[in-house]
C-alpha atoms as a PDB file:
ATOM      1  CA  MET A   1       5.117  17.284  21.019  1.00  0.00           C
ATOM      2  CA  GLY A   2       7.178  14.453  22.477  1.00  0.00           C
ATOM      3  CA  ASN A   3       8.601  11.586  20.465  1.00  0.00           C
ATOM      4  CA  ASN A   4       5.921  11.622  17.776  1.00  0.00           C
ATOM      5  CA  HIS A   5       7.071  15.029  16.422  1.00  0.00           C
ATOM      6  CA  GLY A   6       3.566  16.434  16.598  1.00  0.00           C
ATOM      7  CA  HIS A   7       2.020  13.583  14.621  1.00  0.00           C
ATOM      8  CA  THR A   8      -0.897  11.655  16.035  1.00  0.00           C
ATOM      9  CA  HIS A   9      -1.424   8.618  13.878  1.00  0.00           C
ATOM     10  CA  ASP A  10      -4.321   6.484  15.036  1.00  0.00           C
ATOM     11  CA  SER A  11      -3.574   3.598  12.684  1.00  0.00           C
ATOM     12  CA  GLY A  12      -0.984   0.879  13.151  1.00  0.00           C
ATOM     13  CA  PHE A  13       0.191   1.684   9.624  1.00  0.00           C
ATOM     14  CA  ALA A  14       2.182   4.637  10.923  1.00  0.00           C
ATOM     15  CA  ASN A  15       4.430   2.302  12.912  1.00  0.00           C
ATOM     16  CA  LEU A  16       4.725  -0.340  10.223  1.00  0.00           C
ATOM     17  CA  LEU A  17       8.527  -0.089  10.172  1.00  0.00           C
ATOM     18  CA  GLY A  18       9.021   1.315  13.647  1.00  0.00           C
ATOM     19  CA  GLU A  19       9.381   4.848  14.883  1.00  0.00           C
ATOM     20  CA  ARG A  20      10.858   6.165  11.623  1.00  0.00           C
ATOM     21  CA  THR A  21       8.309   4.732   9.191  1.00  0.00           C
ATOM     22  CA  GLU A  22       7.481   8.151   7.755  1.00  0.00           C
ATOM     23  CA  LEU A  23      11.167   8.838   7.081  1.00  0.00           C
ATOM     24  CA  TYR A  24      11.597   5.485   5.328  1.00  0.00           C
ATOM     25  CA  PHE A  25       8.582   6.166   3.128  1.00  0.00           C
ATOM     26  CA  ALA A  26       9.956   9.605   2.213  1.00  0.00           C
ATOM     27  CA  ILE A  27      13.336   8.121   1.296  1.00  0.00           C
ATOM     28  CA  ALA A  28      11.671   5.375  -0.753  1.00  0.00           C
ATOM     29  CA  ALA A  29       9.524   7.981  -2.523  1.00  0.00           C
ATOM     30  CA  GLY A  30      12.666   9.897  -3.456  1.00  0.00           C
ATOM     31  CA  ILE A  31      14.326   6.745  -4.757  1.00  0.00           C
ATOM     32  CA  PHE A  32      11.306   5.813  -6.892  1.00  0.00           C
ATOM     33  CA  TRP A  33      11.084   9.383  -8.215  1.00  0.00           C
ATOM     34  CA  LEU A  34      14.796   9.450  -9.042  1.00  0.00           C
ATOM     35  CA  ALA A  35      14.573   6.067 -10.787  1.00  0.00           C
ATOM     36  CA  GLY A  36      11.633   7.295 -12.862  1.00  0.00           C
ATOM     37  CA  LEU A  37      13.475  10.481 -13.748  1.00  0.00           C
ATOM     38  CA  MET A  38      16.633   8.625 -14.764  1.00  0.00           C
ATOM     39  CA  LEU A  39      14.673   6.242 -16.988  1.00  0.00           C
ATOM     40  CA  GLU A  40      12.755   9.158 -18.477  1.00  0.00           C
ATOM     41  CA  LEU A  41      15.895  11.158 -19.266  1.00  0.00           C
ATOM     42  CA  THR A  42      17.745   8.202 -20.763  1.00  0.00           C
ATOM     43  CA  ALA A  43      14.689   7.068 -22.768  1.00  0.00           C
ATOM     44  CA  THR A  44      15.071   3.615 -21.229  1.00  0.00           C
ATOM     45  CA  GLY A  45      12.072   1.405 -20.568  1.00  0.00           C
ATOM     46  CA  SER A  46       8.460   1.873 -21.487  1.00  0.00           C
ATOM     47  CA  ASP A  47       6.270   4.845 -20.681  1.00  0.00           C
ATOM     48  CA  MET A  48       4.246   2.642 -18.350  1.00  0.00           C
ATOM     49  CA  LEU A  49       7.386   1.942 -16.315  1.00  0.00           C
ATOM     50  CA  HIS A  50       8.066   5.666 -15.880  1.00  0.00           C
ATOM     51  CA  ILE A  51       4.460   6.328 -14.952  1.00  0.00           C
ATOM     52  CA  GLY A  52       4.492   3.401 -12.520  1.00  0.00           C
ATOM     53  CA  LEU A  53       7.651   4.610 -10.770  1.00  0.00           C
ATOM     54  CA  PHE A  54       6.344   8.168 -10.484  1.00  0.00           C
ATOM     55  CA  SER A  55       2.977   6.880  -9.234  1.00  0.00           C
ATOM     56  CA  VAL A  56       4.620   4.778  -6.520  1.00  0.00           C
ATOM     57  CA  ALA A  57       6.703   7.807  -5.506  1.00  0.00           C
ATOM     58  CA  ILE A  58       3.567   9.959  -5.215  1.00  0.00           C
ATOM     59  CA  LEU A  59       1.723   7.326  -3.189  1.00  0.00           C
ATOM     60  CA  MET A  60       4.632   6.674  -0.834  1.00  0.00           C
ATOM     61  CA  GLY A  61       5.325  10.372  -0.341  1.00  0.00           C
ATOM     62  CA  GLY A  62       1.679  11.327   0.078  1.00  0.00           C
ATOM     63  CA  ILE A  63       0.268   8.616   2.314  1.00  0.00           C
ATOM     64  CA  PHE A  64       1.251  10.233   5.608  1.00  0.00           C
ATOM     65  CA  PRO A  65       0.069  13.756   4.720  1.00  0.00           C
ATOM     66  CA  VAL A  66      -3.267  12.225   3.669  1.00  0.00           C
ATOM     67  CA  ILE A  67      -3.536  10.293   6.945  1.00  0.00           C
ATOM     68  CA  GLU A  68      -2.648  13.395   8.974  1.00  0.00           C
ATOM     69  CA  THR A  69      -5.090  15.538   7.012  1.00  0.00           C
ATOM     70  CA  TRP A  70      -7.884  13.030   7.558  1.00  0.00           C
ATOM     71  CA  GLU A  71      -7.144  12.945  11.292  1.00  0.00           C
ATOM     72  CA  GLY A  72      -7.069  16.765  11.371  1.00  0.00           C
ATOM     73  CA  LEU A  73     -10.386  17.042   9.570  1.00  0.00           C
ATOM     74  CA  ARG A  74     -11.939  14.556  11.976  1.00  0.00           C
ATOM     75  CA  ALA A  75     -10.664  16.732  14.840  1.00  0.00           C
ATOM     76  CA  ARG A  76     -11.891  19.859  12.988  1.00  0.00           C
ATOM     77  CA  THR A  77      -8.425  21.395  12.701  1.00  0.00           C
ATOM     78  CA  PHE A  78      -6.394  22.560   9.721  1.00  0.00           C
ATOM     79  CA  ASP A  79      -2.642  22.127   9.479  1.00  0.00           C
ATOM     80  CA  ILE A  80       0.115  22.310   6.902  1.00  0.00           C
ATOM     81  CA  ASP A  81      -0.704  18.840   5.552  1.00  0.00           C
ATOM     82  CA  PHE A  82      -4.242  19.965   4.709  1.00  0.00           C
ATOM     83  CA  LEU A  83      -2.911  23.053   2.944  1.00  0.00           C
ATOM     84  CA  MET A  84      -0.410  21.001   0.923  1.00  0.00           C
ATOM     85  CA  ILE A  85      -3.101  18.600  -0.267  1.00  0.00           C
ATOM     86  CA  VAL A  86      -5.481  21.428  -1.190  1.00  0.00           C
ATOM     87  CA  ALA A  87      -2.699  23.220  -3.072  1.00  0.00           C
ATOM     88  CA  ALA A  88      -1.749  20.086  -4.986  1.00  0.00           C
END
C-alpha cells in the first residue's frame, strides 16, 4: 500500500493540497455540514443557504470516493467506495 494508503489517483486533483488533500476535503465537508446544521437548527438564514452548505459538504465529501470508484470501474474492480456510492 505504501504512502498512498491504497489509493491510486491518476489525476493531479488528488494532490491539490499535498499528500493530505483527501483529509482536508473531509474536514472541510464536516465544517460545511456542521455550519448548515447549525443554521438549520437556529432558523437563521435562508433555505437556499442551508441547501448550499449541505450541497458543498456532499460534494467535498464525495469527490474522492467518486474518483476512486471511477478508477476501480476502469480497472474492472469493485471496492468499498463503489459499494458506498451504490448504497447512497
